[in-house]
Amino acid sequence: MKKLTLIIFTFVLMFTSSCHKETKIERYAREARETTAQCPMAIDVNTVMDSMTYSVDSHRFTYYYKVQGVSDSILIVNKEIYRRQILDRLLNSPEMLPYIKDKVSFRYIYRMDSAFNAEPVMDFLYDSLL
């Protein structure tokens, strides 16, 4: 009898867990965790992505980067050019369209590699892209 009860319980548990459909919020959080697991990730010669998070409260993906081999003054002077480039990539990427349609916001935080725990040299927030 105990064996039959255990078999039925296992079957019910497997059935109910296989019926669970991942919500968008669960998927976004999972995608952020999976991306972070691949970090550090070289973006270009000077930029490395450290991690990515998803915040349920703000419905936002945040990307954390370290920049090396470039002076912070160059980044600051060209900040608006970088802001526009990131925005253009977001808006022109077919992969990002479902997130944009779901009103996800995006934040990109850049710190100098040598400035551990320092204030970001660039911090871009993109809200309401539609």
C-alpha atoms as a PDB file:
ATOM      1  CA  MET A   1       0.000   0.000   0.000  1.00  0.00           C
ATOM      2  CA  LYS A   2       2.834   2.408   0.856  1.00  0.00           C
ATOM      3  CA  LYS A   3       4.480   1.649  -2.465  1.00  0.00           C
ATOM      4  CA  LEU A   4       1.244   2.342  -4.375  1.00  0.00           C
ATOM      5  CA  THR A   5       0.755   5.620  -2.480  1.00  0.00           C
ATOM      6  CA  LEU A   6       4.333   6.649  -3.277  1.00  0.00           C
ATOM      7  CA  ILE A   7       3.852   5.821  -6.964  1.00  0.00           C
ATOM      8  CA  ILE A   8       0.602   7.813  -7.126  1.00  0.00           C
ATOM      9  CA  PHE A   9       2.168  10.751  -5.268  1.00  0.00           C
ATOM     10  CA  THR A  10       5.167  10.731  -7.618  1.00  0.00           C
ATOM     11  CA  PHE A  11       2.894  10.607 -10.668  1.00  0.00           C
ATOM     12  CA  VAL A  12       0.747  13.486  -9.391  1.00  0.00           C
ATOM     13  CA  LEU A  13       3.841  15.539  -8.576  1.00  0.00           C
ATOM     14  CA  MET A  14       5.337  14.916 -12.023  1.00  0.00           C
ATOM     15  CA  PHE A  15       2.032  15.693 -13.740  1.00  0.00           C
ATOM     16  CA  THR A  16       1.402  18.942 -11.889  1.00  0.00           C
ATOM     17  CA  SER A  17       4.967  20.171 -12.289  1.00  0.00           C
ATOM     18  CA  SER A  18       4.960  19.390 -16.013  1.00  0.00           C
ATOM     19  CA  CYS A  19       1.720  21.362 -16.417  1.00  0.00           C
ATOM     20  CA  HIS A  20       3.249  24.512 -14.943  1.00  0.00           C
ATOM     21  CA  LYS A  21       3.710  27.050 -17.685  1.00  0.00           C
ATOM     22  CA  GLU A  22       6.486  29.506 -17.033  1.00  0.00           C
ATOM     23  CA  THR A  23       5.210  33.069 -16.667  1.00  0.00           C
ATOM     24  CA  LYS A  24       6.893  35.969 -18.439  1.00  0.00           C
ATOM     25  CA  ILE A  25       8.304  37.192 -15.144  1.00  0.00           C
ATOM     26  CA  GLU A  26       9.728  33.748 -14.354  1.00  0.00           C
ATOM     27  CA  ARG A  27      11.183  33.556 -17.856  1.00  0.00           C
ATOM     28  CA  TYR A  28      12.767  37.010 -17.592  1.00  0.00           C
ATOM     29  CA  ALA A  29      14.349  36.152 -14.238  1.00  0.00           C
ATOM     30  CA  ARG A  30      15.609  32.829 -15.622  1.00  0.00           C
ATOM     31  CA  GLU A  31      17.063  34.532 -18.707  1.00  0.00           C
ATOM     32  CA  ALA A  32      18.908  37.008 -16.506  1.00  0.00           C
ATOM     33  CA  ARG A  33      20.314  34.184 -14.344  1.00  0.00           C
ATOM     34  CA  GLU A  34      21.369  32.202 -17.413  1.00  0.00           C
ATOM     35  CA  THR A  35      23.076  35.222 -18.949  1.00  0.00           C
ATOM     36  CA  THR A  36      24.900  35.986 -15.696  1.00  0.00           C
ATOM     37  CA  ALA A  37      26.091  32.368 -15.546  1.00  0.00           C
ATOM     38  CA  GLN A  38      27.903  33.007 -18.851  1.00  0.00           C
ATOM     39  CA  CYS A  39      29.672  36.095 -17.501  1.00  0.00           C
ATOM     40  CA  PRO A  40      32.164  37.639 -17.672  1.00  0.00           C
ATOM     41  CA  MET A  41      31.339  38.059 -21.344  1.00  0.00           C
ATOM     42  CA  ALA A  42      33.517  40.139 -23.674  1.00  0.00           C
ATOM     43  CA  ILE A  43      31.393  42.573 -25.663  1.00  0.00           C
ATOM     44  CA  ASP A  44      34.281  44.240 -27.458  1.00  0.00           C
ATOM     45  CA  VAL A  45      37.979  44.952 -26.875  1.00  0.00           C
ATOM     46  CA  ASN A  46      37.217  47.406 -24.070  1.00  0.00           C
ATOM     47  CA  THR A  47      33.939  46.186 -22.595  1.00  0.00           C
ATOM     48  CA  VAL A  48      33.042  43.147 -20.493  1.00  0.00           C
ATOM     49  CA  MET A  49      29.555  42.315 -19.226  1.00  0.00           C
ATOM     50  CA  ASP A  50      29.747  41.290 -15.547  1.00  0.00           C
ATOM     51  CA  SER A  51      26.132  40.337 -14.973  1.00  0.00           C
ATOM     52  CA  MET A  52      22.496  40.908 -15.785  1.00  0.00           C
ATOM     53  CA  THR A  53      19.519  41.119 -13.455  1.00  0.00           C
ATOM     54  CA  TYR A  54      15.772  41.303 -13.798  1.00  0.00           C
ATOM     55  CA  SER A  55      13.750  43.279 -11.259  1.00  0.00           C
ATOM     56  CA  VAL A  56      10.106  42.303 -10.901  1.00  0.00           C
ATOM     57  CA  ASP A  57       9.284  45.565  -9.084  1.00  0.00           C
ATOM     58  CA  SER A  58      10.584  47.824 -11.844  1.00  0.00           C
ATOM     59  CA  HIS A  59       9.994  45.306 -14.686  1.00  0.00           C
ATOM     60  CA  ARG A  60      13.567  46.028 -15.750  1.00  0.00           C
ATOM     61  CA  PHE A  61      16.608  44.259 -17.095  1.00  0.00           C
ATOM     62  CA  THR A  62      19.836  45.766 -15.798  1.00  0.00           C
ATOM     63  CA  TYR A  63      23.133  45.046 -17.513  1.00  0.00           C
ATOM     64  CA  TYR A  64      26.407  45.612 -15.636  1.00  0.00           C
ATOM     65  CA  TYR A  65      29.596  46.307 -17.575  1.00  0.00           C
ATOM     66  CA  LYS A  66      33.251  47.022 -16.869  1.00  0.00           C
ATOM     67  CA  VAL A  67      35.239  49.187 -19.243  1.00  0.00           C
ATOM     68  CA  GLN A  68      39.004  48.940 -19.571  1.00  0.00           C
ATOM     69  CA  GLY A  69      41.640  50.579 -21.755  1.00  0.00           C
ATOM     70  CA  VAL A  70      39.610  53.770 -22.241  1.00  0.00           C
ATOM     71  CA  SER A  71      39.801  56.870 -20.107  1.00  0.00           C
ATOM     72  CA  ASP A  72      36.677  57.836 -18.231  1.00  0.00           C
ATOM     73  CA  SER A  73      36.901  61.337 -19.741  1.00  0.00           C
ATOM     74  CA  ILE A  74      36.477  59.860 -23.248  1.00  0.00           C
ATOM     75  CA  LEU A  75      33.398  57.977 -22.057  1.00  0.00           C
ATOM     76  CA  ILE A  76      31.921  61.064 -20.436  1.00  0.00           C
ATOM     77  CA  VAL A  77      32.545  63.267 -23.498  1.00  0.00           C
ATOM     78  CA  ASN A  78      30.917  60.678 -25.790  1.00  0.00           C
ATOM     79  CA  LYS A  79      28.175  59.664 -23.362  1.00  0.00           C
ATOM     80  CA  GLU A  80      25.270  60.839 -25.531  1.00  0.00           C
ATOM     81  CA  ILE A  81      26.676  59.052 -28.585  1.00  0.00           C
ATOM     82  CA  TYR A  82      26.852  55.802 -26.572  1.00  0.00           C
ATOM     83  CA  ARG A  83      23.336  56.358 -25.197  1.00  0.00           C
ATOM     84  CA  ARG A  84      21.969  56.745 -28.728  1.00  0.00           C
ATOM     85  CA  GLN A  85      23.888  53.698 -30.030  1.00  0.00           C
ATOM     86  CA  ILE A  86      22.440  51.492 -27.302  1.00  0.00           C
ATOM     87  CA  LEU A  87      18.941  52.823 -27.926  1.00  0.00           C
ATOM     88  CA  ASP A  88      19.291  52.185 -31.667  1.00  0.00           C
ATOM     89  CA  ARG A  89      20.419  48.597 -31.017  1.00  0.00           C
ATOM     90  CA  LEU A  90      17.465  48.029 -28.694  1.00  0.00           C
ATOM     91  CA  LEU A  91      14.929  49.431 -31.137  1.00  0.00           C
ATOM     92  CA  ASN A  92      16.391  47.666 -34.187  1.00  0.00           C
ATOM     93  CA  SER A  93      16.869  44.243 -32.653  1.00  0.00           C
ATOM     94  CA  PRO A  94      14.102  41.762 -33.517  1.00  0.00           C
ATOM     95  CA  GLU A  95      15.083  39.736 -30.423  1.00  0.00           C
ATOM     96  CA  MET A  96      14.306  42.690 -28.153  1.00  0.00           C
ATOM     97  CA  LEU A  97      10.921  43.529 -29.650  1.00  0.00           C
ATOM     98  CA  PRO A  98       8.884  41.125 -27.448  1.00  0.00           C
ATOM     99  CA  TYR A  99      10.428  42.684 -24.327  1.00  0.00           C
ATOM    100  CA  ILE A 100       9.782  46.196 -25.589  1.00  0.00           C
ATOM    101  CA  LYS A 101       6.166  45.284 -26.416  1.00  0.00           C
ATOM    102  CA  ASP A 102       5.830  43.919 -22.869  1.00  0.00           C
ATOM    103  CA  LYS A 103       6.986  47.328 -21.573  1.00  0.00           C
ATOM    104  CA  VAL A 104      10.199  46.009 -20.049  1.00  0.00           C
ATOM    105  CA  SER A 105      12.652  48.790 -19.289  1.00  0.00           C
ATOM    106  CA  PHE A 106      16.404  48.479 -19.703  1.00  0.00           C
ATOM    107  CA  ARG A 107      19.289  49.881 -17.702  1.00  0.00           C
ATOM    108  CA  TYR A 108      22.951  49.779 -18.692  1.00  0.00           C
ATOM    109  CA  ILE A 109      25.537  50.513 -16.018  1.00  0.00           C
ATOM    110  CA  TYR A 110      29.206  51.002 -16.954  1.00  0.00           C
ATOM    111  CA  ARG A 111      32.041  51.157 -14.448  1.00  0.00           C
ATOM    112  CA  MET A 112      35.748  51.516 -15.022  1.00  0.00           C
ATOM    113  CA  ASP A 113      37.552  48.195 -14.526  1.00  0.00           C
ATOM    114  CA  SER A 114      40.066  49.843 -12.208  1.00  0.00           C
ATOM    115  CA  ALA A 115      37.377  51.563 -10.130  1.00  0.00           C
ATOM    116  CA  PHE A 116      36.069  48.740  -7.951  1.00  0.00           C
ATOM    117  CA  ASN A 117      32.740  49.723  -6.325  1.00  0.00           C
ATOM    118  CA  ALA A 118      33.029  53.231  -7.778  1.00  0.00           C
ATOM    119  CA  GLU A 119      30.150  55.263  -9.107  1.00  0.00           C
ATOM    120  CA  PRO A 120      29.209  54.331 -12.656  1.00  0.00           C
ATOM    121  CA  VAL A 121      30.894  56.360 -15.350  1.00  0.00           C
ATOM    122  CA  MET A 122      27.780  55.854 -17.507  1.00  0.00           C
ATOM    123  CA  ASP A 123      24.275  54.833 -16.444  1.00  0.00           C
ATOM    124  CA  PHE A 124      21.553  54.682 -19.092  1.00  0.00           C
ATOM    125  CA  LEU A 125      17.879  53.982 -18.452  1.00  0.00           C
ATOM    126  CA  TYR A 126      15.444  53.266 -21.273  1.00  0.00           C
ATOM    127  CA  ASP A 127      11.776  53.280 -20.253  1.00  0.00           C
ATOM    128  CA  SER A 128       8.625  53.126 -22.378  1.00  0.00           C
ATOM    129  CA  LEU A 129      10.266  52.432 -25.705  1.00  0.00           C
ATOM    130  CA  LEU A 130       6.982  52.084 -27.594  1.00  0.00           C
END
